[in-house]
Amino acid sequence: MNQDHQFLRIVEYSNRCVTLILITVILTAAIILALSFIDTRLASDNPEKPQVSVEKLAGIPSLWAPPDSLAIPKTPEGDLIRYGRELVAHTSVYLGPNGKVMQVSNGMNCQNCHLKAGKKVFGNNYSAVSATYPKFRARSGSIETIEKRVNDCIERSLNGQPLKDGSRELKAFVAYISWVGKDVKKGIAPKGVGLLDLPLLGRPASYEKGKIVFDTHCALCHGKDGSGTKYKNNSEWHYPPLWGPSSYNTGAGLYRLSRFAGYVKANMPNGATFDNPILTDEEAWDVAAYVNSMPRPHKTFAADWPDISKKPFDHPFGPYADTFTEKQHKLGPFGEIKKSQTQLSSKR
């Protein structure tokens, strides 16, 4: 009898343990579901939190993927490609004010604007350069080569002097840029190329609001005075200057508000990506207005835009083929300018 009683007690104890385990599992699952529901509600109820729509994410599997630099061939051609990568990543070391090859640029690196040596999706990458050049560009009113494009960047974004045709450095830039886009078919601009195109604001971009965004999100790295932060060796910028004598000049692409806003939306501050942004669209436009309102080298390119009707809606310098002011072309609102340009084009 005692043995039977002990056996029954063991069975009863085992059943209780199993019941407790089942209850624990059910409660844990319920808590996880509840937390998930709360997080979803918070995300949808907070309009200021940047959201990524299903439509936006739909094409991610077919985004451009850059080639692995370890796959650069160990050949003389590969050596030139590797040198080109060095020039993009460490331009200042080779071509800056104290460059060991020549002194033709302002000390910024190409990589400061073309992130991850031109290989980051929506980071101003080189994916489509080789596939789309030579091509006609309205800015010059001519067919341009990759060499011309490289020298444009050096003269504008690096506020420097162009490289000589046939120089090893120019050949290396072209070799690397072409290698980065080697898997892109001719005439194709893949998903993730260049910069994000943000929806236009219905109001002018605001310097005042932009300063708040800058002080909150940007000043920690770039400094409150926008002068940037150098590495300890003082030869390169860790965080480049956003204005001042060492920054890009007024002829640079990022001096256009839409380009700067798209750049910061997908990449800034540190940790932001196009599918997980930190700034709202409005914050991106406003901080672009603030940064580009600050003093920087002014450089005039008299031959730009021979056909003024081809100027982008946010080109900040007149004359224009429309009647909108230079201030509106710089800060917006841009919607009515774009509408006017479309109507003008349809009449031509």
Foldseek 3Di string as FASTA:
>chain_A
DVVVVVVVVVVVVVVVVVVVVVVVVVVVVVVVVVVVVVVVVVVVVDPQADADDPVNCVCVVFFDAWDDLVPQDPDPLSVLLVVLLCCQVQVLCQADCPHPPYHWFLQAHNCLQCPPSQGAQQSQHLQCQLQEPQDADLFLRDRDGVLRVVQLCRCFFRVTGRDDPPDSNSVSNVSNSCNRNVPPHHPDQGHRHHFDQDPFDPDFAALVLLLVLCVVFPCVACNNVQCADPDPVRRHGPNHRLADASGGECSDPLLQLRNQLRNCQACPDDPHHVNRGGGDSSNSSNNSLNSSVDHHHYDDDPSTRPPQLPDDQQSQDDDHPDDDDSSCSPGHPRPVVVVVSVVVVVVD
